[in-house]
C-alpha cells in the first residue's frame, strides 16, 4: 500500500492524522485510466478535461517561447499538470483554473530546470497572451492562487524530483547511433510532442528518449523517397526492440499523431526539412504505419493490474491537501529504507 494512515478520520481536525506516502513516479496506462475515471467521473467531464489540457499545453508552449526558455521545460510541466488533475480531490475548484494550474506547473518546472524567473513576470506574460487586463487586487489574487497550488502540486509527486532530462538522453542516443542531422532534428521535434502525451507519466526518461527516436525514424522513413536502415541496435543500451515499454510507447505516440498531427512540432519540422505531404495523406500514412507496427509487435499486450488491487491501494484515492494543517505527512522515496529505519527504533 502506497499510503498508510494511522487513522481513518481524515476530515476531523480534532484528531491528528499521520500518513506515510511512498513515492510512485510512474503509473501504468491502466492506473492512469482508473484515476481519470475515479477523479473526473463521467464522460463529459473527461472530454472537458482533455480539451482543457490541450488548450492549456498549446498556451504554455507559446508562453515558454515568449519567456525564451527551451521547450524541454515542458517535460516536467506536463508531468506535474497531469499528476495534479489525476490526484486532486477538488475538481470543482480546480477544473475552471486549468490555465492557473498550467502556469503553476510551468513555474515549478522552471525551478526544477534551474531557470529562475520571478512569478510576477511569468504571470504578466501569461496574462498578456490571454488578453487579460487585471487590477492590482486581481493580480494579487492570481498570484496567491498559484502560490497556494505550488505546494499541493509538489505533494502530488511526493516531492520526488528524480526525473532525468529526456532531451539530454535523446542527444546521447542520436550521437551513439550516428543518426543524420536532418533525422535528429525530427527526433527532437517528436520528443517535444511526446511531452504533451501521457508517456512522461508512464515511463522513465531513457525509455521515452528511445520511444521518440524510434517513432521519428519510423515516420521519417515512411514519408521519405529513399528508405534507410539506421542500424539502431538497442542491445547496445541494454534494451530489446520488442520491449513492452517501447512497443506501448511508440503505439501511443503514433496514435497521438493520428488525432493531433495538424498542431504538432512534427508537422513543422517535416516542413522545415522539405518533406511536406498533404495533411490527409500523411495522417493516413501514420495510420497505416501504426497498423503495421501493432501487427508486428502485438502492442495491445499489457501487464494486467487487477482493478481490486488499484481500488484497495490508498495511493489512488483522492488526496486531501488539508491533512498537513492538522496532521503530518512524511514522503518516502524508498520503502525498504523506511522499513529498515522503523524496525530499528
C-alpha atoms as a PDB file:
ATOM      1  CA  UNK A   1       0.000   0.000   0.000  1.00  0.00           C
ATOM      2  CA  UNK A   2       1.430   3.345  -1.026  1.00  0.00           C
ATOM      3  CA  UNK A   3      -0.176   5.413   1.734  1.00  0.00           C
ATOM      4  CA  UNK A   4      -0.565   4.083   5.253  1.00  0.00           C
ATOM      5  CA  UNK A   5      -2.700   6.224   7.558  1.00  0.00           C
ATOM      6  CA  UNK A   6      -2.801   5.708  11.282  1.00  0.00           C
ATOM      7  CA  UNK A   7      -6.364   6.943  11.412  1.00  0.00           C
ATOM      8  CA  UNK A   8      -9.263   6.750   9.035  1.00  0.00           C
ATOM      9  CA  UNK A   9     -10.735  10.022  10.240  1.00  0.00           C
ATOM     10  CA  UNK A  10      -9.356  12.290   7.533  1.00  0.00           C
ATOM     11  CA  UNK A  11     -11.607  15.271   7.862  1.00  0.00           C
ATOM     12  CA  UNK A  12     -11.720  15.907  11.574  1.00  0.00           C
ATOM     13  CA  UNK A  13      -9.167  18.469  12.766  1.00  0.00           C
ATOM     14  CA  UNK A  14      -9.715  17.222  16.304  1.00  0.00           C
ATOM     15  CA  UNK A  15      -7.694  14.105  15.587  1.00  0.00           C
ATOM     16  CA  UNK A  16      -4.135  14.134  14.329  1.00  0.00           C
ATOM     17  CA  UNK A  17      -3.529  12.100  11.184  1.00  0.00           C
ATOM     18  CA  UNK A  18      -0.122  10.685  10.351  1.00  0.00           C
ATOM     19  CA  UNK A  19       0.418   9.479   6.789  1.00  0.00           C
ATOM     20  CA  UNK A  20       3.380   7.760   5.174  1.00  0.00           C
ATOM     21  CA  UNK A  21       3.259   8.314   1.425  1.00  0.00           C
ATOM     22  CA  UNK A  22       5.567   6.235  -0.751  1.00  0.00           C
ATOM     23  CA  UNK A  23       6.684   7.969  -3.951  1.00  0.00           C
ATOM     24  CA  UNK A  24       5.355   6.405  -7.144  1.00  0.00           C
ATOM     25  CA  UNK A  25       6.871   8.391 -10.012  1.00  0.00           C
ATOM     26  CA  UNK A  26       5.385   6.312 -12.844  1.00  0.00           C
ATOM     27  CA  UNK A  27       1.911   4.927 -13.455  1.00  0.00           C
ATOM     28  CA  UNK A  28       0.702   2.221 -15.807  1.00  0.00           C
ATOM     29  CA  UNK A  29      -1.837   3.076 -18.506  1.00  0.00           C
ATOM     30  CA  UNK A  30      -4.439   1.070 -16.562  1.00  0.00           C
ATOM     31  CA  UNK A  31      -3.706   3.048 -13.387  1.00  0.00           C
ATOM     32  CA  UNK A  32      -3.979   6.330 -15.292  1.00  0.00           C
ATOM     33  CA  UNK A  33      -7.291   5.218 -16.783  1.00  0.00           C
ATOM     34  CA  UNK A  34      -8.578   4.300 -13.310  1.00  0.00           C
ATOM     35  CA  UNK A  35      -7.527   7.675 -11.877  1.00  0.00           C
ATOM     36  CA  UNK A  36      -9.148   9.583 -14.749  1.00  0.00           C
ATOM     37  CA  UNK A  37     -12.490   7.850 -14.223  1.00  0.00           C
ATOM     38  CA  UNK A  38     -12.204   7.916 -10.430  1.00  0.00           C
ATOM     39  CA  UNK A  39     -11.297  11.611 -10.233  1.00  0.00           C
ATOM     40  CA  UNK A  40     -13.110  13.108 -13.216  1.00  0.00           C
ATOM     41  CA  UNK A  41     -16.179  10.886 -13.243  1.00  0.00           C
ATOM     42  CA  UNK A  42     -18.468  10.899 -16.288  1.00  0.00           C
ATOM     43  CA  UNK A  43     -17.602  11.110 -19.965  1.00  0.00           C
ATOM     44  CA  UNK A  44     -18.480  14.802 -20.321  1.00  0.00           C
ATOM     45  CA  UNK A  45     -16.005  15.770 -17.597  1.00  0.00           C
ATOM     46  CA  UNK A  46     -13.302  13.598 -19.145  1.00  0.00           C
ATOM     47  CA  UNK A  47     -13.840  15.198 -22.563  1.00  0.00           C
ATOM     48  CA  UNK A  48     -13.767  18.641 -20.960  1.00  0.00           C
ATOM     49  CA  UNK A  49     -10.517  17.798 -19.144  1.00  0.00           C
ATOM     50  CA  UNK A  50      -8.867  16.583 -22.353  1.00  0.00           C
ATOM     51  CA  UNK A  51      -9.965  19.707 -24.237  1.00  0.00           C
ATOM     52  CA  UNK A  52      -8.755  21.977 -21.420  1.00  0.00           C
ATOM     53  CA  UNK A  53      -5.442  20.111 -21.271  1.00  0.00           C
ATOM     54  CA  UNK A  54      -4.902  20.511 -24.996  1.00  0.00           C
ATOM     55  CA  UNK A  55      -5.675  24.250 -24.876  1.00  0.00           C
ATOM     56  CA  UNK A  56      -3.502  24.760 -21.793  1.00  0.00           C
ATOM     57  CA  UNK A  57      -0.493  22.959 -23.279  1.00  0.00           C
ATOM     58  CA  UNK A  58      -0.714  24.962 -26.503  1.00  0.00           C
ATOM     59  CA  UNK A  59      -0.880  28.143 -24.421  1.00  0.00           C
ATOM     60  CA  UNK A  60       2.113  27.048 -22.291  1.00  0.00           C
ATOM     61  CA  UNK A  61       4.200  26.349 -25.397  1.00  0.00           C
ATOM     62  CA  UNK A  62       3.557  29.917 -26.589  1.00  0.00           C
ATOM     63  CA  UNK A  63       4.384  31.228 -23.109  1.00  0.00           C
ATOM     64  CA  UNK A  64       7.663  29.269 -22.976  1.00  0.00           C
ATOM     65  CA  UNK A  65       8.664  30.752 -26.324  1.00  0.00           C
ATOM     66  CA  UNK A  66       7.798  34.284 -25.160  1.00  0.00           C
ATOM     67  CA  UNK A  67       9.857  33.773 -21.997  1.00  0.00           C
ATOM     68  CA  UNK A  68      12.694  32.448 -24.213  1.00  0.00           C
ATOM     69  CA  UNK A  69      13.099  29.132 -22.410  1.00  0.00           C
ATOM     70  CA  UNK A  70      13.875  25.788 -24.069  1.00  0.00           C
ATOM     71  CA  UNK A  71      10.891  23.565 -24.848  1.00  0.00           C
ATOM     72  CA  UNK A  72      12.387  20.845 -22.615  1.00  0.00           C
ATOM     73  CA  UNK A  73      10.851  22.593 -19.575  1.00  0.00           C
ATOM     74  CA  UNK A  74       7.545  21.190 -20.858  1.00  0.00           C
ATOM     75  CA  UNK A  75       8.659  17.717 -19.718  1.00  0.00           C
ATOM     76  CA  UNK A  76       8.186  18.429 -16.016  1.00  0.00           C
ATOM     77  CA  UNK A  77       5.414  20.926 -16.703  1.00  0.00           C
ATOM     78  CA  UNK A  78       3.273  18.308 -18.465  1.00  0.00           C
ATOM     79  CA  UNK A  79       4.094  15.709 -15.816  1.00  0.00           C
ATOM     80  CA  UNK A  80       3.075  17.998 -12.934  1.00  0.00           C
ATOM     81  CA  UNK A  81      -0.095  19.250 -14.631  1.00  0.00           C
ATOM     82  CA  UNK A  82      -1.393  15.776 -15.396  1.00  0.00           C
ATOM     83  CA  UNK A  83      -0.458  14.323 -11.972  1.00  0.00           C
ATOM     84  CA  UNK A  84      -2.229  17.225 -10.300  1.00  0.00           C
ATOM     85  CA  UNK A  85      -5.530  16.552 -12.028  1.00  0.00           C
ATOM     86  CA  UNK A  86      -5.254  12.776 -11.624  1.00  0.00           C
ATOM     87  CA  UNK A  87      -4.828  13.060  -7.855  1.00  0.00           C
ATOM     88  CA  UNK A  88      -6.796  16.167  -6.884  1.00  0.00           C
ATOM     89  CA  UNK A  89      -9.762  15.811  -4.539  1.00  0.00           C
ATOM     90  CA  UNK A  90     -11.395  19.077  -5.587  1.00  0.00           C
ATOM     91  CA  UNK A  91     -12.146  19.069  -9.302  1.00  0.00           C
ATOM     92  CA  UNK A  92     -14.969  21.558  -8.839  1.00  0.00           C
ATOM     93  CA  UNK A  93     -12.440  24.127  -7.641  1.00  0.00           C
ATOM     94  CA  UNK A  94      -9.500  23.392  -9.958  1.00  0.00           C
ATOM     95  CA  UNK A  95     -11.391  22.468 -13.137  1.00  0.00           C
ATOM     96  CA  UNK A  96     -12.058  26.097 -14.179  1.00  0.00           C
ATOM     97  CA  UNK A  97      -8.497  27.074 -13.153  1.00  0.00           C
ATOM     98  CA  UNK A  98      -6.743  24.947 -15.776  1.00  0.00           C
ATOM     99  CA  UNK A  99      -4.674  27.901 -17.042  1.00  0.00           C
ATOM    100  CA  UNK A 100      -3.567  28.755 -13.495  1.00  0.00           C
ATOM    101  CA  UNK A 101      -2.738  25.073 -12.848  1.00  0.00           C
ATOM    102  CA  UNK A 102      -0.668  25.079 -16.050  1.00  0.00           C
ATOM    103  CA  UNK A 103       1.150  28.275 -15.031  1.00  0.00           C
ATOM    104  CA  UNK A 104       1.894  26.752 -11.613  1.00  0.00           C
ATOM    105  CA  UNK A 105       3.247  23.604 -13.262  1.00  0.00           C
ATOM    106  CA  UNK A 106       5.429  25.726 -15.553  1.00  0.00           C
ATOM    107  CA  UNK A 107       6.724  27.817 -12.638  1.00  0.00           C
ATOM    108  CA  UNK A 108       7.708  24.688 -10.668  1.00  0.00           C
ATOM    109  CA  UNK A 109       9.257  23.182 -13.814  1.00  0.00           C
ATOM    110  CA  UNK A 110      11.389  26.308 -14.342  1.00  0.00           C
ATOM    111  CA  UNK A 111      12.765  25.906 -10.812  1.00  0.00           C
ATOM    112  CA  UNK A 112      13.465  22.205 -11.382  1.00  0.00           C
ATOM    113  CA  UNK A 113      15.428  23.094 -14.533  1.00  0.00           C
ATOM    114  CA  UNK A 114      17.331  25.920 -12.790  1.00  0.00           C
ATOM    115  CA  UNK A 115      15.656  28.637 -14.838  1.00  0.00           C
ATOM    116  CA  UNK A 116      14.787  31.258 -12.275  1.00  0.00           C
ATOM    117  CA  UNK A 117      12.096  33.757 -13.176  1.00  0.00           C
ATOM    118  CA  UNK A 118      10.007  35.854 -10.830  1.00  0.00           C
ATOM    119  CA  UNK A 119       6.424  34.665 -10.606  1.00  0.00           C
ATOM    120  CA  UNK A 120       5.219  38.210 -11.299  1.00  0.00           C
ATOM    121  CA  UNK A 121       6.945  38.212 -14.708  1.00  0.00           C
ATOM    122  CA  UNK A 122       5.546  34.774 -15.633  1.00  0.00           C
ATOM    123  CA  UNK A 123       2.027  35.899 -14.689  1.00  0.00           C
ATOM    124  CA  UNK A 124       2.418  39.199 -16.526  1.00  0.00           C
ATOM    125  CA  UNK A 125       3.433  37.496 -19.785  1.00  0.00           C
ATOM    126  CA  UNK A 126       0.734  34.844 -19.402  1.00  0.00           C
ATOM    127  CA  UNK A 127      -1.961  37.491 -18.886  1.00  0.00           C
ATOM    128  CA  UNK A 128      -0.742  39.352 -21.962  1.00  0.00           C
ATOM    129  CA  UNK A 129      -1.034  36.168 -24.053  1.00  0.00           C
ATOM    130  CA  UNK A 130      -4.524  35.537 -22.702  1.00  0.00           C
ATOM    131  CA  UNK A 131      -5.588  39.143 -23.263  1.00  0.00           C
ATOM    132  CA  UNK A 132      -6.370  39.673 -19.578  1.00  0.00           C
ATOM    133  CA  UNK A 133      -6.232  43.130 -18.021  1.00  0.00           C
ATOM    134  CA  UNK A 134      -6.253  42.680 -14.252  1.00  0.00           C
ATOM    135  CA  UNK A 135      -6.380  45.245 -11.484  1.00  0.00           C
ATOM    136  CA  UNK A 136      -3.787  45.218  -8.705  1.00  0.00           C
ATOM    137  CA  UNK A 137      -6.101  43.319  -6.359  1.00  0.00           C
ATOM    138  CA  UNK A 138      -6.960  40.767  -9.081  1.00  0.00           C
ATOM    139  CA  UNK A 139      -3.258  40.274  -9.824  1.00  0.00           C
ATOM    140  CA  UNK A 140      -2.589  39.684  -6.127  1.00  0.00           C
ATOM    141  CA  UNK A 141      -5.391  37.113  -6.010  1.00  0.00           C
ATOM    142  CA  UNK A 142      -3.997  35.338  -9.059  1.00  0.00           C
ATOM    143  CA  UNK A 143      -0.517  35.259  -7.526  1.00  0.00           C
ATOM    144  CA  UNK A 144      -1.948  33.880  -4.277  1.00  0.00           C
ATOM    145  CA  UNK A 145      -3.803  31.110  -6.135  1.00  0.00           C
ATOM    146  CA  UNK A 146      -0.612  29.983  -7.920  1.00  0.00           C
ATOM    147  CA  UNK A 147       1.487  30.067  -4.752  1.00  0.00           C
ATOM    148  CA  UNK A 148      -1.119  28.047  -2.846  1.00  0.00           C
ATOM    149  CA  UNK A 149      -1.249  25.418  -5.607  1.00  0.00           C
ATOM    150  CA  UNK A 150       2.540  25.093  -5.779  1.00  0.00           C
ATOM    151  CA  UNK A 151       2.854  23.047  -2.567  1.00  0.00           C
ATOM    152  CA  UNK A 152      -0.171  20.891  -3.421  1.00  0.00           C
ATOM    153  CA  UNK A 153       1.315  20.170  -6.844  1.00  0.00           C
ATOM    154  CA  UNK A 154       4.629  19.042  -5.365  1.00  0.00           C
ATOM    155  CA  UNK A 155       2.758  16.829  -2.898  1.00  0.00           C
ATOM    156  CA  UNK A 156       1.121  15.098  -5.879  1.00  0.00           C
ATOM    157  CA  UNK A 157       4.558  13.849  -6.917  1.00  0.00           C
ATOM    158  CA  UNK A 158       5.570  13.166  -3.290  1.00  0.00           C
ATOM    159  CA  UNK A 159       8.325  15.805  -3.574  1.00  0.00           C
ATOM    160  CA  UNK A 160      10.168  13.240  -5.700  1.00  0.00           C
ATOM    161  CA  UNK A 161      12.278  15.227  -8.171  1.00  0.00           C
ATOM    162  CA  UNK A 162      14.287  12.292  -9.549  1.00  0.00           C
ATOM    163  CA  UNK A 163      13.169  12.963 -13.096  1.00  0.00           C
ATOM    164  CA  UNK A 164      16.023  12.938 -15.592  1.00  0.00           C
ATOM    165  CA  UNK A 165      16.000  15.142 -18.681  1.00  0.00           C
ATOM    166  CA  UNK A 166      14.740  13.184 -21.704  1.00  0.00           C
ATOM    167  CA  UNK A 167      16.302  15.638 -24.160  1.00  0.00           C
ATOM    168  CA  UNK A 168      19.817  15.053 -22.792  1.00  0.00           C
ATOM    169  CA  UNK A 169      19.416  11.301 -23.272  1.00  0.00           C
ATOM    170  CA  UNK A 170      17.954  11.716 -26.756  1.00  0.00           C
ATOM    171  CA  UNK A 171      21.022  13.735 -27.790  1.00  0.00           C
ATOM    172  CA  UNK A 172      23.293  10.980 -26.443  1.00  0.00           C
ATOM    173  CA  UNK A 173      21.386   8.238 -28.250  1.00  0.00           C
ATOM    174  CA  UNK A 174      21.291  10.025 -31.619  1.00  0.00           C
ATOM    175  CA  UNK A 175      25.044  10.575 -31.349  1.00  0.00           C
ATOM    176  CA  UNK A 176      25.650   6.963 -30.297  1.00  0.00           C
ATOM    177  CA  UNK A 177      23.753   5.624 -33.323  1.00  0.00           C
ATOM    178  CA  UNK A 178      25.102   8.315 -35.672  1.00  0.00           C
ATOM    179  CA  UNK A 179      21.626   9.469 -36.696  1.00  0.00           C
ATOM    180  CA  UNK A 180      21.970  12.069 -39.523  1.00  0.00           C
ATOM    181  CA  UNK A 181      21.348  15.723 -38.740  1.00  0.00           C
ATOM    182  CA  UNK A 182      18.015  16.007 -40.548  1.00  0.00           C
ATOM    183  CA  UNK A 183      16.597  12.915 -38.858  1.00  0.00           C
ATOM    184  CA  UNK A 184      17.973  14.065 -35.484  1.00  0.00           C
ATOM    185  CA  UNK A 185      16.013  17.285 -35.811  1.00  0.00           C
ATOM    186  CA  UNK A 186      12.833  15.310 -36.483  1.00  0.00           C
ATOM    187  CA  UNK A 187      13.620  13.130 -33.421  1.00  0.00           C
ATOM    188  CA  UNK A 188      13.854  16.284 -31.293  1.00  0.00           C
ATOM    189  CA  UNK A 189      10.528  17.535 -32.669  1.00  0.00           C
ATOM    190  CA  UNK A 190       8.845  14.218 -31.886  1.00  0.00           C
ATOM    191  CA  UNK A 191      10.206  14.447 -28.340  1.00  0.00           C
ATOM    192  CA  UNK A 192       8.612  17.890 -27.963  1.00  0.00           C
ATOM    193  CA  UNK A 193       5.283  16.313 -28.940  1.00  0.00           C
ATOM    194  CA  UNK A 194       5.846  13.407 -26.548  1.00  0.00           C
ATOM    195  CA  UNK A 195       5.915  15.856 -23.623  1.00  0.00           C
ATOM    196  CA  UNK A 196       2.238  16.609 -24.275  1.00  0.00           C
ATOM    197  CA  UNK A 197       1.097  12.970 -24.013  1.00  0.00           C
ATOM    198  CA  UNK A 198       0.696  10.627 -21.047  1.00  0.00           C
ATOM    199  CA  UNK A 199       4.079   9.000 -21.738  1.00  0.00           C
ATOM    200  CA  UNK A 200       6.040  11.155 -19.214  1.00  0.00           C
ATOM    201  CA  UNK A 201       3.623   9.799 -16.579  1.00  0.00           C
ATOM    202  CA  UNK A 202       4.251   6.200 -17.591  1.00  0.00           C
ATOM    203  CA  UNK A 203       7.909   5.686 -18.460  1.00  0.00           C
ATOM    204  CA  UNK A 204      11.350   6.877 -17.303  1.00  0.00           C
ATOM    205  CA  UNK A 205      13.479   9.292 -19.307  1.00  0.00           C
ATOM    206  CA  UNK A 206      15.694   6.753 -21.108  1.00  0.00           C
ATOM    207  CA  UNK A 207      12.646   4.822 -22.366  1.00  0.00           C
ATOM    208  CA  UNK A 208      10.920   7.976 -23.623  1.00  0.00           C
ATOM    209  CA  UNK A 209      14.108   9.078 -25.388  1.00  0.00           C
ATOM    210  CA  UNK A 210      14.223   5.782 -27.303  1.00  0.00           C
ATOM    211  CA  UNK A 211      10.462   5.928 -27.977  1.00  0.00           C
ATOM    212  CA  UNK A 212      10.834   9.410 -29.509  1.00  0.00           C
ATOM    213  CA  UNK A 213      13.849   8.367 -31.602  1.00  0.00           C
ATOM    214  CA  UNK A 214      12.291   5.168 -32.953  1.00  0.00           C
ATOM    215  CA  UNK A 215       8.941   6.843 -33.680  1.00  0.00           C
ATOM    216  CA  UNK A 216      10.639   9.695 -35.527  1.00  0.00           C
ATOM    217  CA  UNK A 217      12.743   7.351 -37.659  1.00  0.00           C
ATOM    218  CA  UNK A 218       9.709   5.191 -38.461  1.00  0.00           C
ATOM    219  CA  UNK A 219       7.762   8.224 -39.690  1.00  0.00           C
ATOM    220  CA  UNK A 220      10.756   9.765 -41.472  1.00  0.00           C
ATOM    221  CA  UNK A 221      11.441   6.535 -43.361  1.00  0.00           C
ATOM    222  CA  UNK A 222       7.760   6.165 -44.173  1.00  0.00           C
ATOM    223  CA  UNK A 223       7.490   9.581 -45.873  1.00  0.00           C
ATOM    224  CA  UNK A 224      10.986   9.604 -47.388  1.00  0.00           C
ATOM    225  CA  UNK A 225      11.591   8.704 -51.018  1.00  0.00           C
ATOM    226  CA  UNK A 226      14.626   6.632 -50.067  1.00  0.00           C
ATOM    227  CA  UNK A 227      14.429   4.031 -47.294  1.00  0.00           C
ATOM    228  CA  UNK A 228      17.349   3.986 -44.861  1.00  0.00           C
ATOM    229  CA  UNK A 229      18.482   1.290 -42.453  1.00  0.00           C
ATOM    230  CA  UNK A 230      19.593   3.256 -39.386  1.00  0.00           C
ATOM    231  CA  UNK A 231      21.001   0.175 -37.638  1.00  0.00           C
ATOM    232  CA  UNK A 232      19.595   1.056 -34.212  1.00  0.00           C
ATOM    233  CA  UNK A 233      20.908  -1.837 -32.132  1.00  0.00           C
ATOM    234  CA  UNK A 234      19.138  -1.331 -28.807  1.00  0.00           C
ATOM    235  CA  UNK A 235      21.145  -4.124 -27.205  1.00  0.00           C
ATOM    236  CA  UNK A 236      23.993  -1.602 -27.001  1.00  0.00           C
ATOM    237  CA  UNK A 237      21.982   0.277 -24.358  1.00  0.00           C
ATOM    238  CA  UNK A 238      20.609  -2.852 -22.672  1.00  0.00           C
ATOM    239  CA  UNK A 239      17.168  -2.761 -24.312  1.00  0.00           C
ATOM    240  CA  UNK A 240      15.244  -5.088 -26.616  1.00  0.00           C
ATOM    241  CA  UNK A 241      13.348  -3.875 -29.718  1.00  0.00           C
ATOM    242  CA  UNK A 242      10.252  -5.777 -28.534  1.00  0.00           C
ATOM    243  CA  UNK A 243      10.448  -4.343 -25.017  1.00  0.00           C
ATOM    244  CA  UNK A 244       6.851  -3.897 -23.799  1.00  0.00           C
ATOM    245  CA  UNK A 245       7.539  -0.317 -22.704  1.00  0.00           C
ATOM    246  CA  UNK A 246       8.902   0.704 -26.102  1.00  0.00           C
ATOM    247  CA  UNK A 247       6.180  -1.067 -28.053  1.00  0.00           C
ATOM    248  CA  UNK A 248       3.413   0.504 -25.979  1.00  0.00           C
ATOM    249  CA  UNK A 249       5.030   3.961 -26.081  1.00  0.00           C
ATOM    250  CA  UNK A 250       5.554   4.002 -29.856  1.00  0.00           C
ATOM    251  CA  UNK A 251       1.994   2.821 -30.464  1.00  0.00           C
ATOM    252  CA  UNK A 252       0.589   5.538 -28.185  1.00  0.00           C
ATOM    253  CA  UNK A 253       2.715   8.235 -29.831  1.00  0.00           C
ATOM    254  CA  UNK A 254       1.623   7.180 -33.328  1.00  0.00           C
ATOM    255  CA  UNK A 255      -1.990   7.324 -32.147  1.00  0.00           C
ATOM    256  CA  UNK A 256      -1.370  10.835 -30.796  1.00  0.00           C
ATOM    257  CA  UNK A 257      -0.212  11.936 -34.265  1.00  0.00           C
ATOM    258  CA  UNK A 258      -3.277  10.430 -35.926  1.00  0.00           C
ATOM    259  CA  UNK A 259      -5.504  12.628 -33.736  1.00  0.00           C
ATOM    260  CA  UNK A 260      -3.365  15.773 -33.417  1.00  0.00           C
ATOM    261  CA  UNK A 261      -0.915  15.942 -36.332  1.00  0.00           C
ATOM    262  CA  UNK A 262      -2.078  19.371 -37.525  1.00  0.00           C
ATOM    263  CA  UNK A 263      -0.847  21.108 -34.322  1.00  0.00           C
ATOM    264  CA  UNK A 264       2.366  19.164 -33.700  1.00  0.00           C
ATOM    265  CA  UNK A 265       6.055  20.007 -33.745  1.00  0.00           C
ATOM    266  CA  UNK A 266       6.485  17.086 -36.167  1.00  0.00           C
ATOM    267  CA  UNK A 267       4.380  18.821 -38.818  1.00  0.00           C
ATOM    268  CA  UNK A 268       6.544  21.949 -38.587  1.00  0.00           C
ATOM    269  CA  UNK A 269       9.819  20.009 -38.647  1.00  0.00           C
ATOM    270  CA  UNK A 270       8.894  17.947 -41.712  1.00  0.00           C
ATOM    271  CA  UNK A 271       8.097  21.195 -43.489  1.00  0.00           C
ATOM    272  CA  UNK A 272      11.441  22.677 -42.485  1.00  0.00           C
ATOM    273  CA  UNK A 273      13.380  19.681 -43.806  1.00  0.00           C
ATOM    274  CA  UNK A 274      11.358  19.873 -47.038  1.00  0.00           C
ATOM    275  CA  UNK A 275       9.407  16.650 -46.568  1.00  0.00           C
ATOM    276  CA  UNK A 276       5.918  18.113 -46.802  1.00  0.00           C
ATOM    277  CA  UNK A 277       2.986  15.862 -47.623  1.00  0.00           C
ATOM    278  CA  UNK A 278      -0.690  16.671 -47.829  1.00  0.00           C
ATOM    279  CA  UNK A 279      -2.157  16.602 -44.323  1.00  0.00           C
ATOM    280  CA  UNK A 280      -4.646  13.813 -45.014  1.00  0.00           C
ATOM    281  CA  UNK A 281      -2.077  11.734 -46.894  1.00  0.00           C
ATOM    282  CA  UNK A 282       0.437  11.973 -44.063  1.00  0.00           C
ATOM    283  CA  UNK A 283      -2.138  11.113 -41.387  1.00  0.00           C
ATOM    284  CA  UNK A 284      -3.187   8.109 -43.498  1.00  0.00           C
ATOM    285  CA  UNK A 285       0.488   7.137 -43.764  1.00  0.00           C
ATOM    286  CA  UNK A 286       0.888   7.289 -39.990  1.00  0.00           C
ATOM    287  CA  UNK A 287      -2.318   5.290 -39.541  1.00  0.00           C
ATOM    288  CA  UNK A 288      -1.005   2.532 -41.840  1.00  0.00           C
ATOM    289  CA  UNK A 289       2.311   2.686 -40.008  1.00  0.00           C
ATOM    290  CA  UNK A 290       0.559   2.158 -36.671  1.00  0.00           C
ATOM    291  CA  UNK A 291      -1.485  -0.777 -38.005  1.00  0.00           C
ATOM    292  CA  UNK A 292       1.665  -2.468 -39.335  1.00  0.00           C
ATOM    293  CA  UNK A 293       3.548  -1.763 -36.105  1.00  0.00           C
ATOM    294  CA  UNK A 294       0.743  -3.133 -33.909  1.00  0.00           C
ATOM    295  CA  UNK A 295       0.513  -6.268 -36.045  1.00  0.00           C
ATOM    296  CA  UNK A 296       4.256  -6.801 -35.911  1.00  0.00           C
ATOM    297  CA  UNK A 297       4.755  -6.258 -32.186  1.00  0.00           C
ATOM    298  CA  UNK A 298       1.279  -7.009 -30.840  1.00  0.00           C
ATOM    299  CA  UNK A 299       1.285  -3.693 -28.971  1.00  0.00           C
ATOM    300  CA  UNK A 300      -2.110  -4.333 -27.398  1.00  0.00           C
ATOM    301  CA  UNK A 301      -0.496  -6.576 -24.829  1.00  0.00           C
ATOM    302  CA  UNK A 302      -0.114  -5.049 -21.395  1.00  0.00           C
ATOM    303  CA  UNK A 303       0.525  -6.141 -17.848  1.00  0.00           C
ATOM    304  CA  UNK A 304      -2.886  -6.506 -16.281  1.00  0.00           C
ATOM    305  CA  UNK A 305      -3.272  -4.934 -12.872  1.00  0.00           C
ATOM    306  CA  UNK A 306      -6.445  -6.144 -11.127  1.00  0.00           C
ATOM    307  CA  UNK A 307      -8.914  -3.303 -10.544  1.00  0.00           C
ATOM    308  CA  UNK A 308      -9.413  -4.507  -6.983  1.00  0.00           C
ATOM    309  CA  UNK A 309      -5.695  -4.019  -6.313  1.00  0.00           C
ATOM    310  CA  UNK A 310      -5.874  -0.420  -7.537  1.00  0.00           C
ATOM    311  CA  UNK A 311      -9.038   0.324  -5.573  1.00  0.00           C
ATOM    312  CA  UNK A 312      -7.521  -1.039  -2.356  1.00  0.00           C
ATOM    313  CA  UNK A 313      -4.313   0.978  -2.709  1.00  0.00           C
ATOM    314  CA  UNK A 314      -4.815   4.299  -0.921  1.00  0.00           C
ATOM    315  CA  UNK A 315      -2.350   5.961  -3.296  1.00  0.00           C
ATOM    316  CA  UNK A 316      -5.138   6.038  -5.885  1.00  0.00           C
ATOM    317  CA  UNK A 317      -7.691   7.697  -3.627  1.00  0.00           C
ATOM    318  CA  UNK A 318      -8.343  11.459  -3.966  1.00  0.00           C
ATOM    319  CA  UNK A 319      -5.836  13.465  -1.928  1.00  0.00           C
ATOM    320  CA  UNK A 320      -6.812  15.668   0.985  1.00  0.00           C
ATOM    321  CA  UNK A 321      -4.361  18.614   0.865  1.00  0.00           C
ATOM    322  CA  UNK A 322      -5.554  19.863   4.263  1.00  0.00           C
ATOM    323  CA  UNK A 323      -4.108  16.896   6.170  1.00  0.00           C
ATOM    324  CA  UNK A 324      -0.901  18.837   6.721  1.00  0.00           C
ATOM    325  CA  UNK A 325      -2.828  21.515   8.628  1.00  0.00           C
ATOM    326  CA  UNK A 326      -3.834  19.178  11.440  1.00  0.00           C
ATOM    327  CA  UNK A 327      -1.662  16.101  10.907  1.00  0.00           C
ATOM    328  CA  UNK A 328       1.628  15.003   9.423  1.00  0.00           C
ATOM    329  CA  UNK A 329       2.627  13.599   6.038  1.00  0.00           C
ATOM    330  CA  UNK A 330       6.008  12.020   5.510  1.00  0.00           C
ATOM    331  CA  UNK A 331       7.045  11.422   1.913  1.00  0.00           C
ATOM    332  CA  UNK A 332       9.238   8.343   1.390  1.00  0.00           C
ATOM    333  CA  UNK A 333      11.241   7.525  -1.760  1.00  0.00           C
ATOM    334  CA  UNK A 334      12.434   4.053  -0.810  1.00  0.00           C
ATOM    335  CA  UNK A 335      10.168   1.612   1.012  1.00  0.00           C
ATOM    336  CA  UNK A 336      12.982  -0.717   2.113  1.00  0.00           C
ATOM    337  CA  UNK A 337      14.954   2.097   3.739  1.00  0.00           C
ATOM    338  CA  UNK A 338      11.889   3.256   5.624  1.00  0.00           C
ATOM    339  CA  UNK A 339      11.091  -0.280   6.835  1.00  0.00           C
ATOM    340  CA  UNK A 340      14.706  -0.729   7.954  1.00  0.00           C
ATOM    341  CA  UNK A 341      14.556   2.616   9.763  1.00  0.00           C
ATOM    342  CA  UNK A 342      11.389   1.899  11.746  1.00  0.00           C
ATOM    343  CA  UNK A 343      12.434  -1.681  12.540  1.00  0.00           C
ATOM    344  CA  UNK A 344      15.482  -0.388  14.429  1.00  0.00           C
ATOM    345  CA  UNK A 345      13.563   2.078  16.569  1.00  0.00           C
END
